[in-house]
């Protein structure tokens, strides 16, 4: 468990922070606040005059020493292996920005892929100035009751399931988190030998609370309050992480699944950024291990339900459930990305959840909607542990309440919002005969 001290940090893209301390103004002129890209999905790659400082190189060899030799022969001076995969016969490296070496490498038969080590970002929406208020007694947030989670807790509360949150770490001592913490890891390149996964932004603690905050008479109660948390730190205090950081974090989840083959696992990813073949490969590896994958659908919406916006990694990837954000009136959030890949919807506006230093806060974004669906998936996996990840996904969409104008799936809501009472009843709609309860 982490013991690193943590103050009540403003996260730059939120609404109200509820602190354990007396109300104070954290937005005064002397307050140094971390900054974050308010519209993460607008990011693609650095402009031509700002070349990336590093590249991700994938080679057709699982032998790290052989891969190093190939890169050194091409002229790279700085390189670091991040993946050695015997099954897929490949290795992945982070290299320096060396145009001459890159040109040399393009001609090598072992090169599978090369891409910028660009950044991805936490998917919160820009909000108003923050205001600290005291921590109050436990509440069940609207987003939990809208999913009918509280109506099925007599059947399951997520027992026996691990929710992996690849994000900014976690406040391991938070009263709502500590009792459900399975473990954690720092996967960022700059972690070095340290395994300190303290949440420096508050984003991941908020996300984790939505999914699985424990019942304890303070703070909030999450969707699956008896599921266990595995927190992987890939984002820094500004909510930013590189492709290499994300890949390393996803490899941690892969190992978790390999080490616990009989434990149902759900993965939540509340971040997004430009296309990455390395991340796509890492996602495919996890999907093969029967993990349910859920991601924030993005905050690139313009408020027009007819507009189709681009969706980025990881939500755009085939194995991933992409989640849209709605408000308490079931209206699509103005910032929520419209795209045919959107699969489900959940509350993502003014979401009340946990925050570091034994506190709570309101945040908005598809970052907040995603862990609601991850929590629902955990409840299903707990109630029906024999179901595959594919069947869990199919049951979610076949038992969703349609919220859009179309009779079925649309670009704003996807299939709609899951109905847990229906899913846990004898009237549940099973997608095909292989998904038997």
Protein backbone atom coordinates (compact mmCIF):
# COMPACT_ATOMS: atom_id res chain seq x y z
CA UNK A 1 0.00 0.00 0.00
CA UNK A 2 1.26 3.49 -0.80
CA UNK A 3 2.18 5.81 2.01
CA UNK A 4 3.09 8.85 -0.05
CA UNK A 5 1.31 11.95 1.22
CA UNK A 6 -1.22 13.62 -1.04
CA UNK A 7 -2.94 16.95 -0.77
CA UNK A 8 -6.40 17.62 -2.15
CA UNK A 9 -5.30 18.37 -5.71
CA UNK A 10 -7.39 20.28 -8.25
CA UNK A 11 -7.55 18.19 -11.42
CA UNK A 12 -7.98 21.14 -13.80
CA UNK A 13 -11.00 19.69 -15.62
CA UNK A 14 -13.76 19.29 -13.11
CA UNK A 15 -16.53 20.95 -11.19
CA UNK A 16 -16.55 20.67 -7.40
CA UNK A 17 -14.07 19.00 -5.08
CA UNK A 18 -15.43 17.84 -1.75
CA UNK A 19 -12.58 17.80 0.74
CA UNK A 20 -12.21 16.43 4.21
CA UNK A 21 -10.81 19.81 5.29
CA UNK A 22 -12.60 23.08 5.98
CA UNK A 23 -13.79 24.79 2.78
CA UNK A 24 -10.93 26.62 1.08
CA UNK A 25 -10.40 28.23 -2.29
CA UNK A 26 -7.94 26.19 -4.32
CA UNK A 27 -8.24 28.46 -7.33
CA UNK A 28 -6.66 31.61 -5.94
CA UNK A 29 -3.84 33.43 -7.76
CA UNK A 30 -1.17 31.67 -5.68
CA UNK A 31 -2.47 28.17 -6.37
CA UNK A 32 -0.35 26.19 -8.80
CA UNK A 33 -2.65 23.91 -10.74
CA UNK A 34 -1.76 21.08 -13.11
CA UNK A 35 -3.02 21.63 -16.63
CA UNK A 36 -4.63 19.08 -18.88
CA UNK A 37 -5.83 18.93 -22.44
CA UNK A 38 -9.56 19.61 -22.08
CA UNK A 39 -10.37 17.87 -25.35
CA UNK A 40 -8.09 14.87 -25.43
CA UNK A 41 -9.54 13.42 -28.60
CA UNK A 42 -8.48 16.47 -30.59
CA UNK A 43 -4.94 15.16 -30.22
CA UNK A 44 -3.54 13.16 -33.10
CA UNK A 45 0.22 13.62 -33.29
CA UNK A 46 2.67 16.50 -32.83
CA UNK A 47 2.63 19.10 -35.62
CA UNK A 48 5.53 19.04 -38.12
CA UNK A 49 7.50 21.68 -36.21
CA UNK A 50 7.26 19.66 -32.98
CA UNK A 51 8.57 16.17 -33.79
CA UNK A 52 8.14 13.47 -31.15
CA UNK A 53 11.14 12.87 -28.92
CA UNK A 54 10.66 9.11 -29.02
CA UNK A 55 9.30 6.36 -31.25
CA UNK A 56 7.73 2.97 -30.62
CA UNK A 57 9.35 0.26 -32.76
CA UNK A 58 7.92 -3.26 -33.14
CA UNK A 59 10.26 -5.90 -34.55
CA UNK A 60 9.65 -9.40 -35.85
CA UNK A 61 11.75 -11.08 -33.17
CA UNK A 62 11.01 -11.99 -29.54
CA UNK A 63 14.75 -11.93 -28.77
CA UNK A 64 15.43 -8.60 -27.03
CA UNK A 65 19.19 -8.80 -27.58
CA UNK A 66 18.66 -9.44 -31.29
CA UNK A 67 16.24 -6.53 -31.44
CA UNK A 68 18.72 -4.24 -29.71
CA UNK A 69 21.37 -5.21 -32.21
CA UNK A 70 19.06 -4.40 -35.13
CA UNK A 71 18.30 -0.96 -33.70
CA UNK A 72 21.91 -0.21 -32.82
CA UNK A 73 23.02 -1.22 -36.32
CA UNK A 74 20.42 1.19 -37.72
CA UNK A 75 21.98 3.99 -35.67
CA UNK A 76 19.74 4.41 -32.60
CA UNK A 77 21.63 5.55 -29.51
CA UNK A 78 18.89 5.37 -26.90
CA UNK A 79 16.52 2.42 -26.76
CA UNK A 80 14.50 0.59 -24.13
CA UNK A 81 12.66 -2.74 -24.54
CA UNK A 82 9.08 -2.69 -23.24
CA UNK A 83 7.66 -5.95 -24.70
CA UNK A 84 9.16 -9.36 -25.47
CA UNK A 85 6.44 -11.66 -26.80
CA UNK A 86 7.41 -15.23 -27.69
CA UNK A 87 3.85 -16.18 -28.64
CA UNK A 88 3.53 -13.46 -31.25
CA UNK A 89 7.23 -13.53 -32.14
CA UNK A 90 7.81 -9.82 -31.60
CA UNK A 91 9.55 -7.29 -29.41
CA UNK A 92 8.71 -3.63 -28.83
CA UNK A 93 11.18 -0.85 -28.04
CA UNK A 94 11.11 2.84 -27.22
CA UNK A 95 13.80 4.65 -29.22
CA UNK A 96 15.18 8.16 -29.58
CA UNK A 97 14.16 10.50 -32.39
CA UNK A 98 16.84 9.76 -34.99
CA UNK A 99 15.69 10.47 -38.58
CA UNK A 100 18.70 8.78 -40.16
CA UNK A 101 18.24 5.63 -38.07
CA UNK A 102 14.53 5.58 -38.84
CA UNK A 103 15.27 5.65 -42.58
CA UNK A 104 17.74 2.82 -42.14
CA UNK A 105 15.20 0.80 -40.17
CA UNK A 106 12.50 1.13 -42.84
CA UNK A 107 14.59 -1.10 -45.09
CA UNK A 108 15.02 -3.85 -42.49
CA UNK A 109 13.00 -7.03 -42.96
CA UNK A 110 12.33 -7.36 -39.21
CA UNK A 111 10.44 -4.06 -38.92
CA UNK A 112 6.74 -4.60 -38.23
CA UNK A 113 5.71 -1.11 -37.17
CA UNK A 114 7.09 2.26 -36.13
CA UNK A 115 4.99 5.05 -34.62
CA UNK A 116 5.45 8.21 -32.54
CA UNK A 117 5.41 7.71 -28.78
CA UNK A 118 2.63 10.29 -28.58
CA UNK A 119 0.48 11.13 -25.58
CA UNK A 120 -2.99 10.04 -24.52
CA UNK A 121 -5.11 11.89 -21.96
CA UNK A 122 -7.70 11.41 -19.26
CA UNK A 123 -11.16 12.02 -20.72
CA UNK A 124 -12.73 14.58 -18.41
CA UNK A 125 -14.66 17.58 -19.66
CA UNK A 126 -13.63 21.13 -18.82
CA UNK A 127 -15.65 22.42 -15.86
CA UNK A 128 -15.97 25.41 -13.54
CA UNK A 129 -13.70 26.58 -10.74
CA UNK A 130 -13.31 24.07 -7.95
CA UNK A 131 -14.75 24.51 -4.48
CA UNK A 132 -13.93 22.28 -1.51
CA UNK A 133 -16.73 21.05 0.76
CA UNK A 134 -16.57 18.65 3.72
CA UNK A 135 -16.83 14.89 3.26
CA UNK A 136 -20.36 13.70 4.08
CA UNK A 137 -22.01 10.42 5.03
CA UNK A 138 -22.33 7.72 2.40
CA UNK A 139 -24.60 8.31 -0.57
CA UNK A 140 -25.58 6.12 -3.50
CA UNK A 141 -24.99 8.30 -6.58
CA UNK A 142 -27.67 8.78 -9.22
CA UNK A 143 -25.62 6.93 -11.82
CA UNK A 144 -25.69 3.80 -9.65
CA UNK A 145 -29.46 3.83 -9.18
CA UNK A 146 -30.08 4.70 -12.86
CA UNK A 147 -28.37 1.42 -13.73
CA UNK A 148 -30.55 -0.36 -11.12
CA UNK A 149 -27.40 -1.64 -9.42
CA UNK A 150 -28.87 -1.11 -5.96
CA UNK A 151 -31.83 -3.31 -6.96
CA UNK A 152 -29.59 -6.34 -7.63
CA UNK A 153 -27.17 -6.09 -4.71
CA UNK A 154 -29.20 -8.78 -2.95
CA UNK A 155 -28.05 -11.08 -5.77
CA UNK A 156 -24.48 -9.89 -6.17
CA UNK A 157 -22.26 -6.96 -5.23
CA UNK A 158 -19.39 -7.96 -7.48
CA UNK A 159 -17.82 -10.63 -5.28
CA UNK A 160 -15.01 -12.61 -6.89
CA UNK A 161 -14.36 -10.13 -9.70
CA UNK A 162 -11.32 -7.91 -10.25
CA UNK A 163 -11.75 -4.53 -11.96
CA UNK A 164 -8.44 -3.37 -13.40
CA UNK A 165 -8.29 0.43 -13.75
CA UNK A 166 -5.49 1.56 -16.06
CA UNK A 167 -5.33 5.25 -15.26
CA UNK A 168 -3.47 7.56 -12.87
CA UNK A 169 -3.05 5.13 -9.95
CA UNK A 170 -5.20 5.40 -6.83
CA UNK A 171 -5.31 6.82 -3.33
CA UNK A 172 -4.79 3.44 -1.67
CA UNK A 173 -5.70 4.78 1.78
CA UNK A 174 -9.05 6.27 0.80
CA UNK A 175 -11.81 4.77 3.02
CA UNK A 176 -13.92 3.92 -0.04
CA UNK A 177 -11.01 2.21 -1.81
CA UNK A 178 -8.75 0.58 0.78
CA UNK A 179 -11.13 -2.25 1.63
CA UNK A 180 -11.46 -3.31 -2.01
CA UNK A 181 -7.83 -2.89 -3.09
CA UNK A 182 -6.44 -6.08 -4.61
CA UNK A 183 -3.16 -4.45 -5.61
CA UNK A 184 -1.54 -1.99 -7.95
CA UNK A 185 1.47 -1.10 -10.01
CA UNK A 186 3.25 1.87 -11.55
CA UNK A 187 3.79 1.13 -15.24
CA UNK A 188 5.05 4.49 -16.49
CA UNK A 189 8.50 4.67 -18.07
CA UNK A 190 9.54 7.20 -15.42
CA UNK A 191 8.57 4.87 -12.56
CA UNK A 192 11.95 3.17 -12.79
CA UNK A 193 12.34 0.71 -9.93
CA UNK A 194 9.59 2.41 -7.92
CA UNK A 195 6.17 0.82 -7.72
CA UNK A 196 4.51 3.90 -6.24
CA UNK A 197 1.08 4.06 -7.85
CA UNK A 198 -0.17 7.04 -5.83
CA UNK A 199 -2.81 9.01 -7.75
CA UNK A 200 -1.32 12.46 -8.34
CA UNK A 201 -4.28 13.86 -10.27
CA UNK A 202 -7.31 12.35 -8.54
CA UNK A 203 -8.77 11.14 -11.83
CA UNK A 204 -8.25 7.43 -11.23
CA UNK A 205 -9.47 7.53 -7.62
CA UNK A 206 -12.69 9.12 -8.89
CA UNK A 207 -13.04 6.49 -11.62
CA UNK A 208 -12.37 3.60 -9.22
CA UNK A 209 -14.93 4.93 -6.73
CA UNK A 210 -17.65 4.96 -9.39
CA UNK A 211 -17.01 1.32 -10.20
CA UNK A 212 -16.46 -0.21 -6.77
CA UNK A 213 -16.47 2.12 -3.76
CA UNK A 214 -17.13 -0.02 -0.72
CA UNK A 215 -20.14 0.24 1.60
CA UNK A 216 -18.76 1.90 4.74
CA UNK A 217 -21.10 4.76 5.80
CA UNK A 218 -18.90 7.50 4.28
CA UNK A 219 -18.30 8.86 0.79
CA UNK A 220 -20.18 6.93 -1.87
CA UNK A 221 -21.09 3.38 -2.80
CA UNK A 222 -19.98 2.15 -6.21
CA UNK A 223 -21.78 -0.03 -8.73
CA UNK A 224 -20.00 -3.22 -7.60
CA UNK A 225 -19.06 -2.49 -3.96
CA UNK A 226 -17.50 -5.90 -3.33
CA UNK A 227 -15.41 -6.16 -6.49
CA UNK A 228 -11.65 -5.85 -6.08
CA UNK A 229 -9.49 -3.11 -7.60
CA UNK A 230 -6.20 -3.55 -9.42
CA UNK A 231 -4.88 -0.02 -10.06
CA UNK A 232 -2.28 0.54 -12.78
CA UNK A 233 -0.64 3.96 -13.03
CA UNK A 234 0.01 5.07 -16.61
CA UNK A 235 -1.09 8.73 -16.44
CA UNK A 236 0.81 11.47 -14.59
CA UNK A 237 -0.47 14.31 -12.42
CA UNK A 238 -1.78 16.15 -15.49
CA UNK A 239 -3.70 13.12 -16.74
CA UNK A 240 -1.20 12.40 -19.52
CA UNK A 241 0.60 9.21 -20.51
CA UNK A 242 2.59 8.09 -23.54
CA UNK A 243 1.91 5.13 -25.80
CA UNK A 244 4.79 3.33 -24.08
CA UNK A 245 3.27 4.02 -20.65
CA UNK A 246 -0.09 2.66 -21.79
CA UNK A 247 1.44 -0.46 -23.36
CA UNK A 248 3.39 -1.19 -20.19
CA UNK A 249 0.21 -0.76 -18.15
CA UNK A 250 -1.76 -3.08 -20.40
CA UNK A 251 0.99 -5.68 -20.08
CA UNK A 252 0.44 -5.53 -16.31
CA UNK A 253 -3.22 -6.38 -16.86
CA UNK A 254 -2.25 -9.20 -19.23
CA UNK A 255 -0.05 -10.69 -16.52
CA UNK A 256 -2.83 -10.26 -13.96
CA UNK A 257 -5.16 -12.28 -16.20
CA UNK A 258 -2.51 -14.92 -16.84
CA UNK A 259 -1.77 -15.25 -13.11
CA UNK A 260 -5.49 -15.52 -12.21
CA UNK A 261 -7.04 -17.57 -15.03
CA UNK A 262 -10.08 -18.55 -12.96
CA UNK A 263 -10.91 -15.01 -11.80
CA UNK A 264 -13.31 -12.91 -13.92
CA UNK A 265 -11.64 -9.59 -14.83
CA UNK A 266 -13.00 -6.32 -16.20
CA UNK A 267 -10.68 -3.61 -17.54
CA UNK A 268 -11.62 0.09 -17.46
CA UNK A 269 -9.77 2.68 -19.59
CA UNK A 270 -10.88 6.29 -19.10
CA UNK A 271 -8.36 7.85 -21.46
CA UNK A 272 -8.00 8.43 -25.18
CA UNK A 273 -5.60 9.61 -27.85
CA UNK A 274 -4.29 9.06 -31.35
CA UNK A 275 -4.12 5.78 -33.21
CA UNK A 276 -1.53 3.32 -31.96
CA UNK A 277 -0.73 -0.11 -33.36
CA UNK A 278 1.23 -0.96 -30.22
CA UNK A 279 -1.79 -0.27 -28.00
CA UNK A 280 -4.06 -2.19 -30.37
CA UNK A 281 -1.76 -5.21 -30.14
CA UNK A 282 -1.73 -5.00 -26.34
CA UNK A 283 -5.54 -4.80 -26.26
CA UNK A 284 -5.82 -7.86 -28.51
CA UNK A 285 -3.54 -9.80 -26.17
CA UNK A 286 -5.79 -9.01 -23.18
CA UNK A 287 -9.00 -9.76 -25.08
CA UNK A 288 -7.70 -13.26 -25.81
CA UNK A 289 -7.58 -13.86 -22.03
CA UNK A 290 -11.36 -13.43 -21.63
CA UNK A 291 -11.25 -9.95 -20.09
CA UNK A 292 -14.19 -7.54 -20.56
CA UNK A 293 -12.72 -4.30 -21.94
CA UNK A 294 -14.49 -0.95 -21.39
CA UNK A 295 -13.35 2.55 -22.42
CA UNK A 296 -14.51 6.15 -22.41
CA UNK A 297 -16.04 6.99 -25.77
CA UNK A 298 -14.50 10.46 -25.91
CA UNK A 299 -15.27 14.13 -25.27
CA UNK A 300 -15.03 15.51 -28.81
CA UNK A 301 -18.76 16.17 -29.18
CA UNK A 302 -20.00 19.52 -30.44
CA UNK A 303 -23.47 19.30 -28.89
CA UNK A 304 -25.12 18.38 -32.21
CA UNK A 305 -26.54 14.86 -32.10
CA UNK A 306 -26.30 14.60 -35.89
CA UNK A 307 -22.57 15.24 -36.05
CA UNK A 308 -20.28 12.23 -36.35
CA UNK A 309 -16.99 12.79 -34.55
CA UNK A 310 -13.73 10.88 -34.71
CA UNK A 311 -13.11 8.35 -31.97
CA UNK A 312 -9.63 7.50 -30.78
CA UNK A 313 -7.74 4.69 -29.16
CA UNK A 314 -8.64 2.60 -27.19
CA UNK A 315 -12.42 3.10 -27.54
CA UNK A 316 -12.30 2.69 -31.34
CA UNK A 317 -10.74 -0.78 -31.10
CA UNK A 318 -12.96 -3.78 -31.91
CA UNK A 319 -12.62 -5.68 -28.58
CA UNK A 320 -13.52 -2.58 -26.54
CA UNK A 321 -16.95 -1.41 -25.34
CA UNK A 322 -17.08 2.36 -26.05
CA UNK A 323 -19.23 4.32 -23.58
CA UNK A 324 -21.09 7.61 -24.11
CA UNK A 325 -22.00 10.08 -21.35
CA UNK A 326 -25.57 11.11 -20.46
CA UNK A 327 -27.00 13.44 -17.83
CA UNK A 328 -29.65 12.74 -15.20
CA UNK A 329 -32.39 13.46 -17.74
CA UNK A 330 -30.98 10.80 -20.10
CA UNK A 331 -29.91 13.50 -22.55
CA UNK A 332 -26.61 12.90 -24.25
CA UNK A 333 -23.88 15.08 -22.75
CA UNK A 334 -22.91 17.99 -24.97
CA UNK A 335 -19.27 16.85 -24.99
CA UNK A 336 -19.92 13.13 -25.63
CA UNK A 337 -18.48 11.83 -28.89
CA UNK A 338 -20.98 10.69 -31.53
CA UNK A 339 -19.71 7.70 -33.45
CA UNK A 340 -21.08 4.41 -34.79
CA UNK A 341 -18.66 2.62 -32.44
CA UNK A 342 -20.51 3.89 -29.32
CA UNK A 343 -22.01 0.82 -27.67
CA UNK A 344 -23.55 1.84 -24.31
CA UNK A 345 -24.36 4.93 -22.24
CA UNK A 346 -24.09 5.88 -18.57
CA UNK A 347 -24.10 8.98 -16.41
CA UNK A 348 -21.12 11.22 -17.12
CA UNK A 349 -22.31 14.68 -16.05
CA UNK A 350 -21.68 16.05 -12.54
CA UNK A 351 -20.75 12.61 -11.26
CA UNK A 352 -20.12 12.43 -7.52
CA UNK A 353 -17.31 10.09 -6.53
CA UNK A 354 -14.11 9.71 -4.52
CA UNK A 355 -11.02 11.89 -4.59
CA UNK A 356 -7.62 11.69 -2.82
CA UNK A 357 -7.15 12.69 0.81
CA UNK A 358 -10.34 11.00 2.06
CA UNK A 359 -12.50 13.31 -0.03
CA UNK A 360 -15.05 13.32 -2.84
CA UNK A 361 -15.72 15.46 -5.90
CA UNK A 362 -17.97 16.10 -8.87
CA UNK A 363 -16.42 15.44 -12.29
CA UNK A 364 -17.84 15.23 -15.80
CA UNK A 365 -16.68 13.33 -18.87
CA UNK A 366 -16.94 10.01 -20.61
CA UNK A 367 -14.15 9.12 -18.17
CA UNK A 368 -16.90 8.93 -15.56
CA UNK A 369 -19.42 7.05 -17.73
CA UNK A 370 -17.01 4.23 -18.55
CA UNK A 371 -16.51 2.89 -14.98
CA UNK A 372 -20.28 2.71 -14.51
CA UNK A 373 -20.39 0.16 -17.33
CA UNK A 374 -17.28 -1.57 -15.98
CA UNK A 375 -19.09 -1.92 -12.65
CA UNK A 376 -22.16 -3.37 -14.37
CA UNK A 377 -19.96 -5.88 -16.21
CA UNK A 378 -18.43 -6.86 -12.86
CA UNK A 379 -21.87 -7.54 -11.38
CA UNK A 380 -22.77 -9.74 -14.35
CA UNK A 381 -19.46 -11.62 -14.16
CA UNK A 382 -19.98 -12.14 -10.45
CA UNK A 383 -23.56 -13.44 -10.82
CA UNK A 384 -22.71 -15.59 -13.86
CA UNK A 385 -19.00 -16.44 -13.54
CA UNK A 386 -19.26 -19.11 -16.23
CA UNK A 387 -20.08 -16.52 -18.90
CA UNK A 388 -17.32 -15.52 -21.30
CA UNK A 389 -16.36 -11.88 -21.78
CA UNK A 390 -17.97 -12.07 -25.22
CA UNK A 391 -21.26 -13.22 -23.69
CA UNK A 392 -21.16 -10.50 -21.02
CA UNK A 393 -20.75 -7.89 -23.74
CA UNK A 394 -23.60 -9.36 -25.78
CA UNK A 395 -25.91 -9.49 -22.75
CA UNK A 396 -25.16 -5.84 -21.97
CA UNK A 397 -26.24 -4.62 -25.40
CA UNK A 398 -29.19 -7.02 -25.78
CA UNK A 399 -30.66 -5.89 -22.46
CA UNK A 400 -30.13 -2.15 -22.77
CA UNK A 401 -32.88 0.46 -22.62
CA UNK A 402 -33.00 2.36 -25.89
CA UNK A 403 -32.52 6.09 -25.26
CA UNK A 404 -32.21 7.42 -28.80
CA UNK A 405 -34.65 8.20 -31.58
CA UNK A 406 -33.72 5.10 -33.54
CA UNK A 407 -35.17 1.73 -32.61
CA UNK A 408 -31.83 0.15 -31.83
CA UNK A 409 -28.29 1.47 -32.01
CA UNK A 410 -27.45 5.09 -32.82
CA UNK A 411 -24.30 7.20 -32.94
CA UNK A 412 -25.02 9.07 -29.69
CA UNK A 413 -26.31 6.48 -27.19
CA UNK A 414 -25.24 3.26 -28.85
CA UNK A 415 -27.72 0.59 -27.68
CA UNK A 416 -28.59 2.67 -24.61
CA UNK A 417 -28.21 2.03 -20.87
CA UNK A 418 -28.03 -1.48 -19.37
CA UNK A 419 -31.01 -2.67 -17.30
CA UNK A 420 -29.57 -4.70 -14.44
CA UNK A 421 -32.94 -5.83 -13.06
CA UNK A 422 -33.73 -7.38 -16.44
CA UNK A 423 -30.27 -8.91 -16.74
CA UNK A 424 -30.58 -10.55 -13.32
CA UNK A 425 -34.12 -11.83 -14.00
CA UNK A 426 -35.60 -14.83 -15.75
CA UNK A 427 -36.55 -12.52 -18.62
CA UNK A 428 -32.96 -11.69 -19.56
CA UNK A 429 -32.42 -11.67 -23.32
CA UNK A 430 -29.66 -14.12 -24.25
CA UNK A 431 -27.94 -13.26 -27.53
CA UNK A 432 -27.32 -16.85 -28.65
CA UNK A 433 -27.42 -20.43 -27.39
CA UNK A 434 -23.77 -20.47 -26.33
CA UNK A 435 -24.50 -17.84 -23.65
CA UNK A 436 -26.41 -20.00 -21.21
CA UNK A 437 -26.94 -18.93 -17.60
